[in-house]
Each structure stands twice: as C-alpha cells, then as structure tokens.
Amino acid sequence: MKKLPPLLVYSVLRLLFFLVPLAVMLLFFPILREQWWASVICAALIGMSLSIIFLRRPLSESSERIYERRESRAAGQSSAAAEDADAEDAVLDEDAATETSAAAETADGIAAAPASEDGDGRRAAE
C-alpha cells in the first residue's frame, strides 16, 4: 500500500481535531447551539491543543518534505540562472569589444584627419 503524503495526513487530522469537538459541543450541549460562536472558539482551541500534543511527527515530516522541495527547486533555478547570466555576460563582452574597436577606429580617423582652416587661419566650426 502506498504511503500517504505527510501534508495530507497532517491536514486531515487537524480538520478532525477541530470538527469532532465542534460536533460534540453542538449536538450534546443545547446551550452551545444558541451561542455557536463560543462553540467554534472552544473547538478551535481544543483542536490546536490536540494537534500540538499529538501531531508533532506528521508536522515534522511535512516540514521536511516542503523544505526538500524548495531546495530542489532553488538548485534547479540557480543552475538555470547561472546559464542565463553566462549568456548575458557573453553578449555584454561581445558588445563591449565591438564598442572598443569602433571607438579606436574613430579615434584613429580623427587623429589622421587634417584640421581644415578657413581663410584667416582659424579652424572651421564643426
């Protein structure tokens, strides 16, 4: 038989620890039918107390399973993020190299071009 997931076991037991005391109070105590909100509060407190006492193992197993899933997702995302970052770095390095060579060619072209002067010996406005 397949073992039930701990989160399912924990959730069902928590619901039972709330619903059973609520049903007992509403069915067997007529005064609590009129003040149903008091029954709900008492059932919640009883359910919380019972779950703290009796459900430590299912809670620990559920927490461990959630932690393992989050860690496995984080590991998968970090490797995908690393690949994405490497691709972005390659594109940025390529762009930087292209800009550097273009700037060097422009600087060489400016240095090689003679200064044009107008008739009175001044440089023409560019």
C-alpha atoms as a PDB file:
ATOM      1  CA  MET A   1       0.000   0.000   0.000  1.00  0.00           C
ATOM      2  CA  LYS A   2       1.266   3.436  -0.905  1.00  0.00           C
ATOM      3  CA  LYS A   3       2.121   5.728   1.990  1.00  0.00           C
ATOM      4  CA  LEU A   4       0.019   8.891   2.208  1.00  0.00           C
ATOM      5  CA  PRO A   5       1.807  12.235   1.921  1.00  0.00           C
ATOM      6  CA  PRO A   6       2.541  13.674   5.373  1.00  0.00           C
ATOM      7  CA  LEU A   7       0.962  17.013   4.492  1.00  0.00           C
ATOM      8  CA  LEU A   8      -2.322  15.288   3.654  1.00  0.00           C
ATOM      9  CA  VAL A   9      -2.240  13.277   6.889  1.00  0.00           C
ATOM     10  CA  TYR A  10      -1.488  16.385   8.934  1.00  0.00           C
ATOM     11  CA  SER A  11      -4.230  18.445   7.259  1.00  0.00           C
ATOM     12  CA  VAL A  12      -6.910  15.765   7.661  1.00  0.00           C
ATOM     13  CA  LEU A  13      -6.056  15.168  11.296  1.00  0.00           C
ATOM     14  CA  ARG A  14      -6.090  18.897  12.036  1.00  0.00           C
ATOM     15  CA  LEU A  15      -9.559  19.164  10.494  1.00  0.00           C
ATOM     16  CA  LEU A  16     -10.762  16.193  12.523  1.00  0.00           C
ATOM     17  CA  PHE A  17      -9.331  17.671  15.717  1.00  0.00           C
ATOM     18  CA  PHE A  18     -11.458  20.751  15.056  1.00  0.00           C
ATOM     19  CA  LEU A  19     -14.640  19.229  13.638  1.00  0.00           C
ATOM     20  CA  VAL A  20     -15.135  16.417  16.186  1.00  0.00           C
ATOM     21  CA  PRO A  21     -15.146  18.707  19.272  1.00  0.00           C
ATOM     22  CA  LEU A  22     -17.354  21.185  17.387  1.00  0.00           C
ATOM     23  CA  ALA A  23     -19.877  18.465  16.528  1.00  0.00           C
ATOM     24  CA  VAL A  24     -19.868  17.139  20.099  1.00  0.00           C
ATOM     25  CA  MET A  25     -20.493  20.597  21.548  1.00  0.00           C
ATOM     26  CA  LEU A  26     -23.243  21.457  19.081  1.00  0.00           C
ATOM     27  CA  LEU A  27     -25.024  18.085  19.307  1.00  0.00           C
ATOM     28  CA  PHE A  28     -24.807  17.330  23.028  1.00  0.00           C
ATOM     29  CA  PHE A  29     -24.886  20.771  24.635  1.00  0.00           C
ATOM     30  CA  PRO A  30     -28.048  22.675  23.666  1.00  0.00           C
ATOM     31  CA  ILE A  31     -26.899  25.921  25.277  1.00  0.00           C
ATOM     32  CA  LEU A  32     -23.932  25.993  22.890  1.00  0.00           C
ATOM     33  CA  ARG A  33     -26.245  25.760  19.869  1.00  0.00           C
ATOM     34  CA  GLU A  34     -27.528  29.218  20.690  1.00  0.00           C
ATOM     35  CA  GLN A  35     -24.041  30.568  21.125  1.00  0.00           C
ATOM     36  CA  TRP A  36     -22.415  28.799  18.198  1.00  0.00           C
ATOM     37  CA  TRP A  37     -19.527  31.255  18.090  1.00  0.00           C
ATOM     38  CA  ALA A  38     -18.442  30.110  21.559  1.00  0.00           C
ATOM     39  CA  SER A  39     -18.510  26.519  20.309  1.00  0.00           C
ATOM     40  CA  VAL A  40     -16.337  27.448  17.334  1.00  0.00           C
ATOM     41  CA  ILE A  41     -13.801  29.225  19.550  1.00  0.00           C
ATOM     42  CA  CYS A  42     -13.662  26.327  22.015  1.00  0.00           C
ATOM     43  CA  ALA A  43     -13.348  23.779  19.201  1.00  0.00           C
ATOM     44  CA  ALA A  44     -10.502  25.785  17.684  1.00  0.00           C
ATOM     45  CA  LEU A  45      -8.647  25.907  20.997  1.00  0.00           C
ATOM     46  CA  ILE A  46      -9.208  22.196  21.610  1.00  0.00           C
ATOM     47  CA  GLY A  47      -8.109  21.318  18.075  1.00  0.00           C
ATOM     48  CA  MET A  48      -4.996  23.450  18.348  1.00  0.00           C
ATOM     49  CA  SER A  49      -4.075  21.887  21.687  1.00  0.00           C
ATOM     50  CA  LEU A  50      -4.593  18.347  20.427  1.00  0.00           C
ATOM     51  CA  SER A  51      -2.579  18.990  17.278  1.00  0.00           C
ATOM     52  CA  ILE A  52       0.329  20.430  19.279  1.00  0.00           C
ATOM     53  CA  ILE A  53       0.319  17.373  21.543  1.00  0.00           C
ATOM     54  CA  PHE A  54      -0.321  14.556  19.051  1.00  0.00           C
ATOM     55  CA  LEU A  55       0.740  15.769  15.598  1.00  0.00           C
ATOM     56  CA  ARG A  56       4.412  16.574  16.105  1.00  0.00           C
ATOM     57  CA  ARG A  57       5.669  13.754  13.825  1.00  0.00           C
ATOM     58  CA  PRO A  58       3.355  14.474  10.841  1.00  0.00           C
ATOM     59  CA  LEU A  59       4.176  18.184  11.171  1.00  0.00           C
ATOM     60  CA  SER A  60       7.924  17.468  11.142  1.00  0.00           C
ATOM     61  CA  GLU A  61       7.603  15.165   8.132  1.00  0.00           C
ATOM     62  CA  SER A  62       5.516  17.753   6.273  1.00  0.00           C
ATOM     63  CA  SER A  63       8.026  20.472   7.039  1.00  0.00           C
ATOM     64  CA  GLU A  64      10.929  18.315   5.870  1.00  0.00           C
ATOM     65  CA  ARG A  65       9.160  17.448   2.623  1.00  0.00           C
ATOM     66  CA  ILE A  66       8.358  21.129   1.926  1.00  0.00           C
ATOM     67  CA  TYR A  67      11.968  22.088   2.687  1.00  0.00           C
ATOM     68  CA  GLU A  68      13.330  19.403   0.345  1.00  0.00           C
ATOM     69  CA  ARG A  69      11.059  20.534  -2.484  1.00  0.00           C
ATOM     70  CA  ARG A  70      12.038  24.179  -2.067  1.00  0.00           C
ATOM     71  CA  GLU A  71      15.742  23.285  -2.002  1.00  0.00           C
ATOM     72  CA  SER A  72      15.457  21.171  -5.139  1.00  0.00           C
ATOM     73  CA  ARG A  73      13.623  23.984  -6.942  1.00  0.00           C
ATOM     74  CA  ALA A  74      16.192  26.526  -5.773  1.00  0.00           C
ATOM     75  CA  ALA A  75      19.026  24.308  -7.047  1.00  0.00           C
ATOM     76  CA  GLY A  76      17.304  23.959 -10.426  1.00  0.00           C
ATOM     77  CA  GLN A  77      16.659  27.685 -10.652  1.00  0.00           C
ATOM     78  CA  SER A  78      20.196  28.595  -9.620  1.00  0.00           C
ATOM     79  CA  SER A  79      21.693  26.461 -12.401  1.00  0.00           C
ATOM     80  CA  ALA A  80      19.282  27.971 -14.933  1.00  0.00           C
ATOM     81  CA  ALA A  81      20.058  31.431 -13.577  1.00  0.00           C
ATOM     82  CA  ALA A  82      23.797  30.745 -13.863  1.00  0.00           C
ATOM     83  CA  GLU A  83      23.407  29.693 -17.503  1.00  0.00           C
ATOM     84  CA  ASP A  84      21.348  32.805 -18.202  1.00  0.00           C
ATOM     85  CA  ALA A  85      23.917  35.018 -16.502  1.00  0.00           C
ATOM     86  CA  ASP A  86      26.724  33.431 -18.534  1.00  0.00           C
ATOM     87  CA  ALA A  87      24.815  34.080 -21.765  1.00  0.00           C
ATOM     88  CA  GLU A  88      24.208  37.710 -20.770  1.00  0.00           C
ATOM     89  CA  ASP A  89      27.890  38.162 -19.874  1.00  0.00           C
ATOM     90  CA  ALA A  90      28.947  36.782 -23.252  1.00  0.00           C
ATOM     91  CA  VAL A  91      26.657  39.208 -25.080  1.00  0.00           C
ATOM     92  CA  LEU A  92      27.855  42.156 -22.971  1.00  0.00           C
ATOM     93  CA  ASP A  93      31.515  41.214 -23.523  1.00  0.00           C
ATOM     94  CA  GLU A  94      30.904  40.995 -27.268  1.00  0.00           C
ATOM     95  CA  ASP A  95      29.191  44.413 -27.278  1.00  0.00           C
ATOM     96  CA  ALA A  96      31.982  45.951 -25.210  1.00  0.00           C
ATOM     97  CA  ALA A  97      34.608  44.583 -27.613  1.00  0.00           C
ATOM     98  CA  THR A  98      32.668  45.937 -30.597  1.00  0.00           C
ATOM     99  CA  GLU A  99      32.318  49.377 -28.981  1.00  0.00           C
ATOM    100  CA  THR A 100      36.009  49.476 -28.054  1.00  0.00           C
ATOM    101  CA  SER A 101      37.140  48.644 -31.585  1.00  0.00           C
ATOM    102  CA  ALA A 102      34.694  51.186 -33.053  1.00  0.00           C
ATOM    103  CA  ALA A 103      35.960  53.860 -30.647  1.00  0.00           C
ATOM    104  CA  ALA A 104      39.563  53.062 -31.581  1.00  0.00           C
ATOM    105  CA  GLU A 105      38.780  53.339 -35.296  1.00  0.00           C
ATOM    106  CA  THR A 106      37.006  56.660 -34.709  1.00  0.00           C
ATOM    107  CA  ALA A 107      39.946  57.981 -32.675  1.00  0.00           C
ATOM    108  CA  ASP A 108      42.357  56.924 -35.426  1.00  0.00           C
ATOM    109  CA  GLY A 109      40.202  58.636 -38.044  1.00  0.00           C
ATOM    110  CA  ILE A 110      40.092  61.898 -36.071  1.00  0.00           C
ATOM    111  CA  ALA A 111      43.835  61.906 -35.461  1.00  0.00           C
ATOM    112  CA  ALA A 112      44.593  61.251 -39.126  1.00  0.00           C
ATOM    113  CA  ALA A 113      42.228  63.906 -40.491  1.00  0.00           C
ATOM    114  CA  PRO A 114      43.907  67.280 -41.101  1.00  0.00           C
ATOM    115  CA  ALA A 115      42.422  70.325 -39.455  1.00  0.00           C
ATOM    116  CA  SER A 116      40.646  72.419 -42.017  1.00  0.00           C
ATOM    117  CA  GLU A 117      41.191  76.107 -41.776  1.00  0.00           C
ATOM    118  CA  ASP A 118      39.240  78.904 -43.332  1.00  0.00           C
ATOM    119  CA  GLY A 119      40.842  81.914 -44.940  1.00  0.00           C
ATOM    120  CA  ASP A 120      42.075  83.729 -41.838  1.00  0.00           C
ATOM    121  CA  GLY A 121      43.893  80.796 -40.184  1.00  0.00           C
ATOM    122  CA  ARG A 122      41.143  79.725 -37.766  1.00  0.00           C
ATOM    123  CA  ARG A 123      39.576  76.285 -37.677  1.00  0.00           C
ATOM    124  CA  ALA A 124      36.152  75.974 -39.150  1.00  0.00           C
ATOM    125  CA  ALA A 125      33.332  75.302 -36.666  1.00  0.00           C
ATOM    126  CA  GLU A 126      32.219  71.738 -36.745  1.00  0.00           C
END
